[in-house]
Amino acid sequence: MMAACVRSSCRRANSTIITSLHFDPAPPLVDHCAALRCLPAVELPFVDVDPLWLTIQDEARDDAEEEPLLRHHYHHLVLSHATLESALAAHLAAKLAVPALVAGGTLYELFSATLSEDAEIRRAVRADLLAARYRDPACAKMVHCFLYYKGFLALQVHRVAHRLWADGRRAAALMLQSRASEAFAVDIHPGARVGAGVLLDHATGVVIGETAVVGNDVSILHGVTLGGTGKEGGDRHPKIGDGVLIGAGTQVLGNVSVGEGAKIGAGAVVLRPVPPRTTAVGSPAQLVGGEEKPVWLGRRAGLTMDHATWPDDAIRGQAWSYM
């Protein structure tokens, strides 16, 4: 998890507003989306100072000083841009560019226009950066996430594609999905709804279907599919609650819910709902306990997975044991 603490001391001159965001290297375990709300309550990027972007630029300067080989690289991608949105639009456009889309800066204009119009996306981008910094032990600096983490980059392409999809620009949205899949090996349908503070760790092979919903502060490792069963149409994809952790190689299939704070073990195949704050493992997935240690009793009662029904609230007392 993460936390952010704003300090008044800073290398910038303007003392009348917050000018730096200092990150504690060992922050307490708190909801980083909540911590994000300590940022200035302004409509980004139309502000004089963006603390998070200044932090990223400071990190870039430090790297450039330590490694002169990267000076031009960091200047071009980070230090020459006044805002996070400008840098992100240019970075994504370069990653996804093909000859037919290069002329006239077509992709840059598409990303820049969408980011400048959508405050929700701008705040989600920042929450995603903070999620990587404080939930990925390998992420020492946010500038590394911004430049190199394909899970973060694929997610930002999706955010723009989803906005286009919602606005009826579905051909453009599908083009971005296709290019992101080719560039990052991450395939998120533009119709899928994804919350803020999401971490796609490693990200290779992540597939998220059209009617899937992913909540806030969710962590998803590589090789995860949030897909359909192939037996239904319409609303056919999983609904993932806030704070869920989904392990590598997991398949969550069908219109099933995974409750807030649940954990899905690596390689699990989830075909039925998982209650909040509960762990599910195996193929097919079984519950192994949670905050109140609920244990699914279907197998203990001699029922098969095909015939047993995971309980809803109405029948919870008949099928669950609290140990």
C-alpha atoms as a PDB file:
ATOM      1  CA  MET A   1       0.000   0.000   0.000  1.00  0.00           C
ATOM      2  CA  MET A   2       1.058   3.535   0.095  1.00  0.00           C
ATOM      3  CA  ALA A   3       0.875   6.841   1.790  1.00  0.00           C
ATOM      4  CA  ALA A   4       1.885  10.312   0.807  1.00  0.00           C
ATOM      5  CA  CYS A   5       2.922  13.107   3.047  1.00  0.00           C
ATOM      6  CA  VAL A   6       3.095  16.688   1.883  1.00  0.00           C
ATOM      7  CA  ARG A   7       6.005  18.717   3.161  1.00  0.00           C
ATOM      8  CA  SER A   8       6.448  22.431   2.842  1.00  0.00           C
ATOM      9  CA  SER A   9      10.210  22.321   2.352  1.00  0.00           C
ATOM     10  CA  CYS A  10      11.043  22.059  -1.307  1.00  0.00           C
ATOM     11  CA  ARG A  11      13.437  22.970  -4.029  1.00  0.00           C
ATOM     12  CA  ARG A  12      10.788  25.137  -5.671  1.00  0.00           C
ATOM     13  CA  ALA A  13      10.431  28.817  -4.819  1.00  0.00           C
ATOM     14  CA  ASN A  14       6.712  29.355  -4.430  1.00  0.00           C
ATOM     15  CA  SER A  15       5.932  28.989  -0.724  1.00  0.00           C
ATOM     16  CA  THR A  16       2.305  30.030  -0.953  1.00  0.00           C
ATOM     17  CA  ILE A  17       1.147  26.698  -2.361  1.00  0.00           C
ATOM     18  CA  ILE A  18       2.210  23.102  -2.079  1.00  0.00           C
ATOM     19  CA  THR A  19       5.171  22.634  -4.347  1.00  0.00           C
ATOM     20  CA  SER A  20       6.512  19.169  -3.568  1.00  0.00           C
ATOM     21  CA  LEU A  21       5.124  15.807  -2.648  1.00  0.00           C
ATOM     22  CA  HIS A  22       7.495  13.811  -0.486  1.00  0.00           C
ATOM     23  CA  PHE A  23       6.990  10.054  -0.318  1.00  0.00           C
ATOM     24  CA  ASP A  24       7.858   8.147   2.818  1.00  0.00           C
ATOM     25  CA  PRO A  25       9.985   5.125   1.863  1.00  0.00           C
ATOM     26  CA  ALA A  26       8.230   3.035   4.519  1.00  0.00           C
ATOM     27  CA  PRO A  27       4.652   4.345   4.548  1.00  0.00           C
ATOM     28  CA  PRO A  28       1.879   2.915   6.724  1.00  0.00           C
ATOM     29  CA  LEU A  29      -0.628   0.599   5.125  1.00  0.00           C
ATOM     30  CA  VAL A  30      -3.433   2.881   4.019  1.00  0.00           C
ATOM     31  CA  ASP A  31      -5.701   3.269   1.044  1.00  0.00           C
ATOM     32  CA  HIS A  32      -3.591   5.217  -1.453  1.00  0.00           C
ATOM     33  CA  CYS A  33      -6.672   6.498  -3.259  1.00  0.00           C
ATOM     34  CA  ALA A  34      -7.619   8.156   0.015  1.00  0.00           C
ATOM     35  CA  ALA A  35      -4.110   9.527   0.338  1.00  0.00           C
ATOM     36  CA  LEU A  36      -4.389  10.929  -3.161  1.00  0.00           C
ATOM     37  CA  ARG A  37      -7.149  13.169  -1.896  1.00  0.00           C
ATOM     38  CA  CYS A  38      -4.531  15.113   0.091  1.00  0.00           C
ATOM     39  CA  LEU A  39      -3.305  16.509  -3.218  1.00  0.00           C
ATOM     40  CA  PRO A  40      -4.495  20.041  -4.006  1.00  0.00           C
ATOM     41  CA  ALA A  41      -8.205  20.061  -4.776  1.00  0.00           C
ATOM     42  CA  VAL A  42      -7.824  21.597  -8.186  1.00  0.00           C
ATOM     43  CA  GLU A  43      -8.640  20.627 -11.735  1.00  0.00           C
ATOM     44  CA  LEU A  44      -5.426  19.130 -13.041  1.00  0.00           C
ATOM     45  CA  PRO A  45      -3.480  19.802 -15.188  1.00  0.00           C
ATOM     46  CA  PHE A  46      -4.579  23.444 -15.197  1.00  0.00           C
ATOM     47  CA  VAL A  47      -2.575  24.347 -12.093  1.00  0.00           C
ATOM     48  CA  ASP A  48       0.564  26.309 -11.433  1.00  0.00           C
ATOM     49  CA  VAL A  49       2.168  23.381  -9.619  1.00  0.00           C
ATOM     50  CA  ASP A  50       1.498  19.644  -9.684  1.00  0.00           C
ATOM     51  CA  PRO A  51       3.356  18.086  -6.726  1.00  0.00           C
ATOM     52  CA  LEU A  52       3.394  14.571  -8.137  1.00  0.00           C
ATOM     53  CA  TRP A  53       4.784  15.678 -11.501  1.00  0.00           C
ATOM     54  CA  LEU A  54       7.462  17.750  -9.770  1.00  0.00           C
ATOM     55  CA  THR A  55       8.453  14.647  -7.809  1.00  0.00           C
ATOM     56  CA  ILE A  56       8.730  12.620 -11.007  1.00  0.00           C
ATOM     57  CA  GLN A  57      10.835  15.334 -12.619  1.00  0.00           C
ATOM     58  CA  ASP A  58      13.110  15.438  -9.564  1.00  0.00           C
ATOM     59  CA  GLU A  59      13.528  11.668  -9.817  1.00  0.00           C
ATOM     60  CA  ALA A  60      14.404  12.049 -13.497  1.00  0.00           C
ATOM     61  CA  ARG A  61      17.055  14.679 -12.694  1.00  0.00           C
ATOM     62  CA  ASP A  62      18.569  12.411 -10.056  1.00  0.00           C
ATOM     63  CA  ASP A  63      18.759   9.505 -12.515  1.00  0.00           C
ATOM     64  CA  ALA A  64      20.236  11.722 -15.213  1.00  0.00           C
ATOM     65  CA  GLU A  65      22.924  12.938 -12.810  1.00  0.00           C
ATOM     66  CA  GLU A  66      23.803   9.386 -11.815  1.00  0.00           C
ATOM     67  CA  GLU A  67      23.738   8.070 -15.390  1.00  0.00           C
ATOM     68  CA  PRO A  68      24.784  10.665 -18.019  1.00  0.00           C
ATOM     69  CA  LEU A  69      23.797   8.229 -20.764  1.00  0.00           C
ATOM     70  CA  LEU A  70      20.155   8.892 -19.860  1.00  0.00           C
ATOM     71  CA  ARG A  71      20.256  12.694 -19.834  1.00  0.00           C
ATOM     72  CA  HIS A  72      18.775  13.189 -23.300  1.00  0.00           C
ATOM     73  CA  HIS A  73      16.331  10.334 -22.707  1.00  0.00           C
ATOM     74  CA  TYR A  74      14.964  11.898 -19.531  1.00  0.00           C
ATOM     75  CA  HIS A  75      14.952  15.396 -20.963  1.00  0.00           C
ATOM     76  CA  HIS A  76      12.948  14.303 -24.003  1.00  0.00           C
ATOM     77  CA  LEU A  77      10.409  12.181 -22.128  1.00  0.00           C
ATOM     78  CA  VAL A  78      10.063  13.982 -18.792  1.00  0.00           C
ATOM     79  CA  LEU A  79      11.945  17.210 -18.199  1.00  0.00           C
ATOM     80  CA  SER A  80      10.874  19.001 -21.373  1.00  0.00           C
ATOM     81  CA  HIS A  81       7.175  18.660 -20.478  1.00  0.00           C
ATOM     82  CA  ALA A  82       5.372  21.126 -18.236  1.00  0.00           C
ATOM     83  CA  THR A  83       2.646  18.661 -17.211  1.00  0.00           C
ATOM     84  CA  LEU A  84       2.197  14.967 -16.605  1.00  0.00           C
ATOM     85  CA  GLU A  85      -0.558  14.946 -19.215  1.00  0.00           C
ATOM     86  CA  SER A  86       1.671  16.354 -21.950  1.00  0.00           C
ATOM     87  CA  ALA A  87       4.440  13.876 -21.181  1.00  0.00           C
ATOM     88  CA  LEU A  88       2.043  10.941 -20.969  1.00  0.00           C
ATOM     89  CA  ALA A  89       0.338  11.817 -24.258  1.00  0.00           C
ATOM     90  CA  ALA A  90       3.693  12.034 -26.040  1.00  0.00           C
ATOM     91  CA  HIS A  91       5.001   8.842 -24.442  1.00  0.00           C
ATOM     92  CA  LEU A  92       1.922   6.788 -25.293  1.00  0.00           C
ATOM     93  CA  ALA A  93       1.790   8.175 -28.825  1.00  0.00           C
ATOM     94  CA  ALA A  94       5.395   7.142 -29.423  1.00  0.00           C
ATOM     95  CA  LYS A  95       4.793   3.661 -28.015  1.00  0.00           C
ATOM     96  CA  LEU A  96       1.718   3.045 -30.167  1.00  0.00           C
ATOM     97  CA  ALA A  97       2.761   4.867 -33.333  1.00  0.00           C
ATOM     98  CA  VAL A  98       2.530   3.179 -36.719  1.00  0.00           C
ATOM     99  CA  PRO A  99       3.212   4.980 -40.028  1.00  0.00           C
ATOM    100  CA  ALA A 100      -0.436   5.685 -40.783  1.00  0.00           C
ATOM    101  CA  LEU A 101      -0.880   7.372 -37.385  1.00  0.00           C
ATOM    102  CA  VAL A 102       2.348   9.346 -37.178  1.00  0.00           C
ATOM    103  CA  ALA A 103       1.604  12.098 -39.678  1.00  0.00           C
ATOM    104  CA  GLY A 104       0.449  15.294 -38.018  1.00  0.00           C
ATOM    105  CA  GLY A 105       0.851  13.885 -34.515  1.00  0.00           C
ATOM    106  CA  THR A 106      -2.501  12.109 -34.747  1.00  0.00           C
ATOM    107  CA  LEU A 107      -2.092   9.880 -31.709  1.00  0.00           C
ATOM    108  CA  TYR A 108      -0.569  12.632 -29.594  1.00  0.00           C
ATOM    109  CA  GLU A 109      -3.515  14.890 -30.349  1.00  0.00           C
ATOM    110  CA  LEU A 110      -5.958  12.107 -29.465  1.00  0.00           C
ATOM    111  CA  PHE A 111      -4.315  11.364 -26.110  1.00  0.00           C
ATOM    112  CA  SER A 112      -3.727  15.015 -25.264  1.00  0.00           C
ATOM    113  CA  ALA A 113      -7.285  16.082 -26.015  1.00  0.00           C
ATOM    114  CA  THR A 114      -8.812  13.259 -23.992  1.00  0.00           C
ATOM    115  CA  LEU A 115      -6.548  13.782 -20.997  1.00  0.00           C
ATOM    116  CA  SER A 116      -7.139  17.535 -20.991  1.00  0.00           C
ATOM    117  CA  GLU A 117     -10.919  17.070 -21.001  1.00  0.00           C
ATOM    118  CA  ASP A 118     -11.269  14.352 -18.362  1.00  0.00           C
ATOM    119  CA  ALA A 119     -10.353  15.185 -14.760  1.00  0.00           C
ATOM    120  CA  GLU A 120     -11.324  11.687 -13.619  1.00  0.00           C
ATOM    121  CA  ILE A 121      -8.718  10.125 -15.894  1.00  0.00           C
ATOM    122  CA  ARG A 122      -6.083  12.591 -14.740  1.00  0.00           C
ATOM    123  CA  ARG A 123      -6.641  11.692 -11.113  1.00  0.00           C
ATOM    124  CA  ALA A 124      -6.739   7.960 -11.911  1.00  0.00           C
ATOM    125  CA  VAL A 125      -3.362   8.252 -13.663  1.00  0.00           C
ATOM    126  CA  ARG A 126      -1.856   9.688 -10.506  1.00  0.00           C
ATOM    127  CA  ALA A 127      -3.466   7.033  -8.322  1.00  0.00           C
ATOM    128  CA  ASP A 128      -2.025   4.330 -10.614  1.00  0.00           C
ATOM    129  CA  LEU A 129       1.459   5.815 -10.269  1.00  0.00           C
ATOM    130  CA  LEU A 130       1.159   5.861  -6.497  1.00  0.00           C
ATOM    131  CA  ALA A 131      -0.126   2.277  -6.531  1.00  0.00           C
ATOM    132  CA  ALA A 132       2.955   1.099  -8.407  1.00  0.00           C
ATOM    133  CA  ARG A 133       5.291   3.041  -6.136  1.00  0.00           C
ATOM    134  CA  TYR A 134       3.890   1.630  -2.918  1.00  0.00           C
ATOM    135  CA  ARG A 135       2.473  -1.778  -3.834  1.00  0.00           C
ATOM    136  CA  ASP A 136       5.262  -3.005  -6.097  1.00  0.00           C
ATOM    137  CA  PRO A 137       8.421  -3.680  -4.042  1.00  0.00           C
ATOM    138  CA  ALA A 138      10.485  -3.455  -7.240  1.00  0.00           C
ATOM    139  CA  CYS A 139       9.374   0.133  -7.955  1.00  0.00           C
ATOM    140  CA  ALA A 140      11.894   2.496  -6.353  1.00  0.00           C
ATOM    141  CA  LYS A 141      10.745   5.620  -8.207  1.00  0.00           C
ATOM    142  CA  MET A 142       7.565   6.718  -9.935  1.00  0.00           C
ATOM    143  CA  VAL A 143       9.554   7.924 -12.941  1.00  0.00           C
ATOM    144  CA  HIS A 144      10.497   4.294 -13.612  1.00  0.00           C
ATOM    145  CA  CYS A 145       6.840   3.300 -13.594  1.00  0.00           C
ATOM    146  CA  PHE A 146       5.957   6.202 -15.871  1.00  0.00           C
ATOM    147  CA  LEU A 147       8.652   5.362 -18.412  1.00  0.00           C
ATOM    148  CA  TYR A 148       8.992   1.597 -18.317  1.00  0.00           C
ATOM    149  CA  TYR A 149       6.103  -0.260 -16.675  1.00  0.00           C
ATOM    150  CA  LYS A 150       3.995  -1.612 -19.479  1.00  0.00           C
ATOM    151  CA  GLY A 151       1.140  -2.453 -17.111  1.00  0.00           C
ATOM    152  CA  PHE A 152       0.845   1.218 -16.181  1.00  0.00           C
ATOM    153  CA  LEU A 153       1.134   2.342 -19.807  1.00  0.00           C
ATOM    154  CA  ALA A 154      -1.412  -0.189 -21.078  1.00  0.00           C
ATOM    155  CA  LEU A 155      -3.826   0.908 -18.366  1.00  0.00           C
ATOM    156  CA  GLN A 156      -3.556   4.560 -19.395  1.00  0.00           C
ATOM    157  CA  VAL A 157      -4.209   3.653 -23.034  1.00  0.00           C
ATOM    158  CA  HIS A 158      -7.289   1.801 -21.822  1.00  0.00           C
ATOM    159  CA  ARG A 159      -8.510   4.804 -19.861  1.00  0.00           C
ATOM    160  CA  VAL A 160      -8.434   6.916 -23.006  1.00  0.00           C
ATOM    161  CA  ALA A 161      -9.974   4.121 -25.094  1.00  0.00           C
ATOM    162  CA  HIS A 162     -12.784   3.689 -22.560  1.00  0.00           C
ATOM    163  CA  ARG A 163     -13.578   7.396 -22.747  1.00  0.00           C
ATOM    164  CA  LEU A 164     -13.741   7.163 -26.543  1.00  0.00           C
ATOM    165  CA  TRP A 165     -15.938   4.061 -26.278  1.00  0.00           C
ATOM    166  CA  ALA A 166     -18.345   5.847 -23.938  1.00  0.00           C
ATOM    167  CA  ASP A 167     -18.457   8.820 -26.319  1.00  0.00           C
ATOM    168  CA  GLY A 168     -19.451   6.565 -29.223  1.00  0.00           C
ATOM    169  CA  ARG A 169     -16.041   6.706 -30.938  1.00  0.00           C
ATOM    170  CA  ARG A 170     -15.790   2.945 -30.983  1.00  0.00           C
ATOM    171  CA  ALA A 171     -13.582   2.544 -34.044  1.00  0.00           C
ATOM    172  CA  ALA A 172     -10.919   4.752 -32.459  1.00  0.00           C
ATOM    173  CA  ALA A 173     -11.289   2.938 -29.134  1.00  0.00           C
ATOM    174  CA  LEU A 174     -10.804  -0.468 -30.768  1.00  0.00           C
ATOM    175  CA  MET A 175      -7.751   0.829 -32.622  1.00  0.00           C
ATOM    176  CA  LEU A 176      -6.166   1.834 -29.307  1.00  0.00           C
ATOM    177  CA  GLN A 177      -7.029  -1.551 -27.797  1.00  0.00           C
ATOM    178  CA  SER A 178      -5.387  -3.309 -30.730  1.00  0.00           C
ATOM    179  CA  ARG A 179      -2.230  -1.209 -30.629  1.00  0.00           C
ATOM    180  CA  ALA A 180      -1.918  -1.566 -26.837  1.00  0.00           C
ATOM    181  CA  SER A 181      -2.264  -5.331 -27.144  1.00  0.00           C
ATOM    182  CA  GLU A 182       0.488  -5.416 -29.753  1.00  0.00           C
ATOM    183  CA  ALA A 183       2.791  -3.040 -27.884  1.00  0.00           C
ATOM    184  CA  PHE A 184       2.297  -4.207 -24.287  1.00  0.00           C
ATOM    185  CA  ALA A 185       0.851  -7.758 -24.490  1.00  0.00           C
ATOM    186  CA  VAL A 186      -2.122  -6.520 -22.444  1.00  0.00           C
ATOM    187  CA  ASP A 187      -5.613  -6.783 -23.907  1.00  0.00           C
ATOM    188  CA  ILE A 188      -8.305  -4.726 -22.176  1.00  0.00           C
ATOM    189  CA  HIS A 189     -11.558  -4.232 -24.045  1.00  0.00           C
ATOM    190  CA  PRO A 190     -12.435  -0.515 -24.179  1.00  0.00           C
ATOM    191  CA  GLY A 191     -15.872  -1.285 -22.754  1.00  0.00           C
ATOM    192  CA  ALA A 192     -14.417  -2.607 -19.484  1.00  0.00           C
ATOM    193  CA  ARG A 193     -14.679  -0.295 -16.471  1.00  0.00           C
ATOM    194  CA  VAL A 194     -11.505   0.052 -14.406  1.00  0.00           C
ATOM    195  CA  GLY A 195     -11.173   2.016 -11.170  1.00  0.00           C
ATOM    196  CA  ALA A 196      -8.283   4.106  -9.865  1.00  0.00           C
ATOM    197  CA  GLY A 197      -5.144   2.962  -8.111  1.00  0.00           C
ATOM    198  CA  VAL A 198      -4.910  -0.232 -10.141  1.00  0.00           C
ATOM    199  CA  LEU A 199      -1.620  -2.116 -10.370  1.00  0.00           C
ATOM    200  CA  LEU A 200      -0.971  -4.449 -13.306  1.00  0.00           C
ATOM    201  CA  ASP A 201       2.236  -6.041 -12.030  1.00  0.00           C
ATOM    202  CA  HIS A 202       4.411  -7.387 -14.889  1.00  0.00           C
ATOM    203  CA  ALA A 203       1.150  -7.360 -16.886  1.00  0.00           C
ATOM    204  CA  THR A 204       2.125  -9.730 -19.711  1.00  0.00           C
ATOM    205  CA  GLY A 205      -0.881 -11.750 -20.812  1.00  0.00           C
ATOM    206  CA  VAL A 206      -3.555  -9.831 -18.894  1.00  0.00           C
ATOM    207  CA  VAL A 207      -6.945 -10.036 -20.644  1.00  0.00           C
ATOM    208  CA  ILE A 208     -10.028  -8.135 -19.433  1.00  0.00           C
ATOM    209  CA  GLY A 209     -13.348  -8.559 -21.223  1.00  0.00           C
ATOM    210  CA  GLU A 210     -15.896  -6.041 -22.406  1.00  0.00           C
ATOM    211  CA  THR A 211     -18.363  -6.127 -19.498  1.00  0.00           C
ATOM    212  CA  ALA A 212     -15.791  -6.620 -16.734  1.00  0.00           C
ATOM    213  CA  VAL A 213     -15.664  -4.162 -13.841  1.00  0.00           C
ATOM    214  CA  VAL A 214     -12.493  -3.649 -11.788  1.00  0.00           C
ATOM    215  CA  GLY A 215     -12.722  -1.614  -8.596  1.00  0.00           C
ATOM    216  CA  ASN A 216     -10.260   0.750  -6.935  1.00  0.00           C
ATOM    217  CA  ASP A 217      -6.915  -0.339  -5.459  1.00  0.00           C
ATOM    218  CA  VAL A 218      -6.929  -3.694  -7.236  1.00  0.00           C
ATOM    219  CA  SER A 219      -3.667  -5.558  -7.897  1.00  0.00           C
ATOM    220  CA  ILE A 220      -3.513  -7.947 -10.852  1.00  0.00           C
ATOM    221  CA  LEU A 221      -0.454 -10.006 -11.720  1.00  0.00           C
ATOM    222  CA  HIS A 222       0.577 -11.374 -15.111  1.00  0.00           C
ATOM    223  CA  GLY A 223      -1.339 -13.974 -17.066  1.00  0.00           C
ATOM    224  CA  VAL A 224      -4.725 -13.100 -15.544  1.00  0.00           C
ATOM    225  CA  THR A 225      -7.941 -13.415 -17.533  1.00  0.00           C
ATOM    226  CA  LEU A 226     -11.180 -11.717 -16.525  1.00  0.00           C
ATOM    227  CA  GLY A 227     -13.204 -13.396 -19.231  1.00  0.00           C
ATOM    228  CA  GLY A 228     -16.437 -15.046 -20.235  1.00  0.00           C
ATOM    229  CA  THR A 229     -17.283 -18.717 -20.178  1.00  0.00           C
ATOM    230  CA  GLY A 230     -18.302 -18.777 -23.831  1.00  0.00           C
ATOM    231  CA  LYS A 231     -21.775 -19.952 -22.822  1.00  0.00           C
ATOM    232  CA  GLU A 232     -23.470 -16.599 -22.348  1.00  0.00           C
ATOM    233  CA  GLY A 233     -23.862 -13.198 -23.943  1.00  0.00           C
ATOM    234  CA  GLY A 234     -24.581  -9.731 -22.628  1.00  0.00           C
ATOM    235  CA  ASP A 235     -23.154  -8.984 -19.185  1.00  0.00           C
ATOM    236  CA  ARG A 236     -20.788 -11.942 -19.124  1.00  0.00           C
ATOM    237  CA  HIS A 237     -17.575 -10.877 -17.393  1.00  0.00           C
ATOM    238  CA  PRO A 238     -16.373 -10.701 -13.756  1.00  0.00           C
ATOM    239  CA  LYS A 239     -16.979  -7.895 -11.290  1.00  0.00           C
ATOM    240  CA  ILE A 240     -13.909  -7.295  -9.108  1.00  0.00           C
ATOM    241  CA  GLY A 241     -14.374  -5.355  -5.861  1.00  0.00           C
ATOM    242  CA  ASP A 242     -12.088  -2.755  -4.290  1.00  0.00           C
ATOM    243  CA  GLY A 243      -8.766  -3.879  -2.867  1.00  0.00           C
ATOM    244  CA  VAL A 244      -8.739  -7.328  -4.483  1.00  0.00           C
ATOM    245  CA  LEU A 245      -5.462  -9.155  -5.192  1.00  0.00           C
ATOM    246  CA  ILE A 246      -5.472 -11.569  -8.157  1.00  0.00           C
ATOM    247  CA  GLY A 247      -2.474 -13.873  -8.430  1.00  0.00           C
ATOM    248  CA  ALA A 248      -0.539 -14.779 -11.554  1.00  0.00           C
ATOM    249  CA  GLY A 249      -2.143 -17.097 -14.062  1.00  0.00           C
ATOM    250  CA  THR A 250      -5.619 -16.819 -12.552  1.00  0.00           C
ATOM    251  CA  GLN A 251      -8.750 -17.216 -14.665  1.00  0.00           C
ATOM    252  CA  VAL A 252     -11.935 -15.552 -13.406  1.00  0.00           C
ATOM    253  CA  LEU A 253     -14.691 -16.529 -15.809  1.00  0.00           C
ATOM    254  CA  GLY A 254     -18.302 -15.477 -16.197  1.00  0.00           C
ATOM    255  CA  ASN A 255     -20.427 -12.804 -14.571  1.00  0.00           C
ATOM    256  CA  VAL A 256     -19.212 -13.611 -11.062  1.00  0.00           C
ATOM    257  CA  SER A 257     -18.318 -11.229  -8.258  1.00  0.00           C
ATOM    258  CA  VAL A 258     -15.105 -11.152  -6.280  1.00  0.00           C
ATOM    259  CA  GLY A 259     -15.810  -9.255  -3.086  1.00  0.00           C
ATOM    260  CA  GLU A 260     -13.906  -6.352  -1.579  1.00  0.00           C
ATOM    261  CA  GLY A 261     -10.510  -7.279  -0.158  1.00  0.00           C
ATOM    262  CA  ALA A 262     -10.582 -10.861  -1.449  1.00  0.00           C
ATOM    263  CA  LYS A 263      -7.444 -12.680  -2.582  1.00  0.00           C
ATOM    264  CA  ILE A 264      -7.239 -15.146  -5.458  1.00  0.00           C
ATOM    265  CA  GLY A 265      -4.271 -17.501  -5.393  1.00  0.00           C
ATOM    266  CA  ALA A 266      -1.994 -17.974  -8.387  1.00  0.00           C
ATOM    267  CA  GLY A 267      -3.316 -20.324 -11.032  1.00  0.00           C
ATOM    268  CA  ALA A 268      -6.847 -20.441  -9.640  1.00  0.00           C
ATOM    269  CA  VAL A 269      -9.879 -20.916 -11.875  1.00  0.00           C
ATOM    270  CA  VAL A 270     -12.784 -18.969 -10.389  1.00  0.00           C
ATOM    271  CA  LEU A 271     -16.221 -19.850 -11.707  1.00  0.00           C
ATOM    272  CA  ARG A 272     -18.369 -18.846  -8.729  1.00  0.00           C
ATOM    273  CA  PRO A 273     -18.603 -15.763  -6.472  1.00  0.00           C
ATOM    274  CA  VAL A 274     -15.910 -15.099  -3.862  1.00  0.00           C
ATOM    275  CA  PRO A 275     -17.141 -13.290  -0.722  1.00  0.00           C
ATOM    276  CA  PRO A 276     -15.374 -10.186   0.598  1.00  0.00           C
ATOM    277  CA  ARG A 277     -12.096 -10.574   2.530  1.00  0.00           C
ATOM    278  CA  THR A 278     -11.839 -14.238   1.594  1.00  0.00           C
ATOM    279  CA  THR A 279      -9.084 -16.241  -0.084  1.00  0.00           C
ATOM    280  CA  ALA A 280      -9.796 -18.596  -2.995  1.00  0.00           C
ATOM    281  CA  VAL A 281      -7.279 -21.084  -4.386  1.00  0.00           C
ATOM    282  CA  GLY A 282      -7.162 -24.024  -6.735  1.00  0.00           C
ATOM    283  CA  SER A 283      -8.839 -25.212  -9.918  1.00  0.00           C
ATOM    284  CA  PRO A 284     -11.756 -25.025  -9.612  1.00  0.00           C
ATOM    285  CA  ALA A 285     -11.278 -22.456  -6.858  1.00  0.00           C
ATOM    286  CA  GLN A 286     -12.216 -23.255  -3.280  1.00  0.00           C
ATOM    287  CA  LEU A 287     -12.406 -20.918  -0.300  1.00  0.00           C
ATOM    288  CA  VAL A 288      -9.782 -21.349   2.389  1.00  0.00           C
ATOM    289  CA  GLY A 289     -10.784 -18.676   4.889  1.00  0.00           C
ATOM    290  CA  GLY A 290     -10.850 -14.933   5.307  1.00  0.00           C
ATOM    291  CA  GLU A 291     -11.341 -12.238   7.887  1.00  0.00           C
ATOM    292  CA  GLU A 292     -13.966 -14.342   9.656  1.00  0.00           C
ATOM    293  CA  LYS A 293     -12.531 -17.588   8.253  1.00  0.00           C
ATOM    294  CA  PRO A 294     -15.553 -18.694   6.211  1.00  0.00           C
ATOM    295  CA  VAL A 295     -15.149 -22.190   4.824  1.00  0.00           C
ATOM    296  CA  TRP A 296     -17.216 -23.491   1.920  1.00  0.00           C
ATOM    297  CA  LEU A 297     -18.803 -26.808   2.881  1.00  0.00           C
ATOM    298  CA  GLY A 298     -19.941 -28.078  -0.521  1.00  0.00           C
ATOM    299  CA  ARG A 299     -17.295 -30.792  -0.811  1.00  0.00           C
ATOM    300  CA  ARG A 300     -17.562 -31.668   2.875  1.00  0.00           C
ATOM    301  CA  ALA A 301     -21.245 -32.336   2.312  1.00  0.00           C
ATOM    302  CA  GLY A 302     -20.451 -34.731  -0.524  1.00  0.00           C
ATOM    303  CA  LEU A 303     -21.505 -32.360  -3.292  1.00  0.00           C
ATOM    304  CA  THR A 304     -19.556 -31.767  -6.470  1.00  0.00           C
ATOM    305  CA  MET A 305     -18.629 -28.333  -7.725  1.00  0.00           C
ATOM    306  CA  ASP A 306     -21.114 -28.807 -10.541  1.00  0.00           C
ATOM    307  CA  HIS A 307     -24.021 -29.373  -8.190  1.00  0.00           C
ATOM    308  CA  ALA A 308     -23.156 -27.250  -5.177  1.00  0.00           C
ATOM    309  CA  THR A 309     -24.071 -23.573  -5.158  1.00  0.00           C
ATOM    310  CA  TRP A 310     -21.932 -21.017  -3.416  1.00  0.00           C
ATOM    311  CA  PRO A 311     -24.249 -19.283  -0.974  1.00  0.00           C
ATOM    312  CA  ASP A 312     -25.780 -15.893  -1.184  1.00  0.00           C
ATOM    313  CA  ASP A 313     -26.798 -13.999   1.934  1.00  0.00           C
ATOM    314  CA  ALA A 314     -30.202 -15.681   2.071  1.00  0.00           C
ATOM    315  CA  ILE A 315     -28.726 -19.158   2.526  1.00  0.00           C
ATOM    316  CA  ARG A 316     -25.388 -18.270   4.037  1.00  0.00           C
ATOM    317  CA  GLY A 317     -26.066 -19.952   7.373  1.00  0.00           C
ATOM    318  CA  GLN A 318     -26.888 -23.254   5.660  1.00  0.00           C
ATOM    319  CA  ALA A 319     -23.657 -23.557   3.735  1.00  0.00           C
ATOM    320  CA  TRP A 320     -20.943 -21.733   5.689  1.00  0.00           C
ATOM    321  CA  SER A 321     -19.101 -22.536   8.850  1.00  0.00           C
ATOM    322  CA  TYR A 322     -17.317 -19.869  10.844  1.00  0.00           C
ATOM    323  CA  MET A 323     -14.384 -21.391  12.689  1.00  0.00           C
END
